[in-house]
Amino acid sequence: MVWTRRVRGAARRMFSSSISAEELLMSLC
């Protein structure tokens, strides 16, 4: 589904402060 991506994107923004850039890169890969 498409909305799932938006929900995950919003969650990543909220946790981006605690999540390191490396984890974000790994999730993107």
C-alpha atoms as a PDB file:
ATOM      1  CA  MET A   1       0.000   0.000   0.000  1.00  0.00           C
ATOM      2  CA  VAL A   2       1.108   3.596  -0.553  1.00  0.00           C
ATOM      3  CA  TRP A   3      -0.055   5.095   2.757  1.00  0.00           C
ATOM      4  CA  THR A   4       2.227   2.667   4.602  1.00  0.00           C
ATOM      5  CA  ARG A   5       5.219   4.496   3.116  1.00  0.00           C
ATOM      6  CA  ARG A   6       3.907   7.826   4.409  1.00  0.00           C
ATOM      7  CA  VAL A   7       3.309   6.354   7.852  1.00  0.00           C
ATOM      8  CA  ARG A   8       6.833   4.934   7.948  1.00  0.00           C
ATOM      9  CA  GLY A   9       8.244   8.233   6.679  1.00  0.00           C
ATOM     10  CA  ALA A  10       6.465  10.123   9.471  1.00  0.00           C
ATOM     11  CA  ALA A  11       7.709   7.611  12.054  1.00  0.00           C
ATOM     12  CA  ARG A  12      11.250   7.968  10.725  1.00  0.00           C
ATOM     13  CA  ARG A  13      11.012  11.753  11.046  1.00  0.00           C
ATOM     14  CA  MET A  14       9.895  11.419  14.671  1.00  0.00           C
ATOM     15  CA  PHE A  15      12.645   8.910  15.501  1.00  0.00           C
ATOM     16  CA  SER A  16      15.241  10.491  13.186  1.00  0.00           C
ATOM     17  CA  SER A  17      16.580  12.416  16.194  1.00  0.00           C
ATOM     18  CA  SER A  18      17.348   9.156  18.020  1.00  0.00           C
ATOM     19  CA  ILE A  19      18.121   6.983  14.993  1.00  0.00           C
ATOM     20  CA  SER A  20      21.605   7.371  13.553  1.00  0.00           C
ATOM     21  CA  ALA A  21      22.207   8.247   9.891  1.00  0.00           C
ATOM     22  CA  GLU A  22      23.742   4.813   9.313  1.00  0.00           C
ATOM     23  CA  GLU A  23      20.503   3.075  10.300  1.00  0.00           C
ATOM     24  CA  LEU A  24      18.538   5.343   7.938  1.00  0.00           C
ATOM     25  CA  LEU A  25      20.920   4.501   5.094  1.00  0.00           C
ATOM     26  CA  MET A  26      20.595   0.771   5.808  1.00  0.00           C
ATOM     27  CA  SER A  27      16.794   1.051   5.876  1.00  0.00           C
ATOM     28  CA  LEU A  28      16.868   2.848   2.517  1.00  0.00           C
ATOM     29  CA  CYS A  29      19.070   0.140   1.030  1.00  0.00           C
END
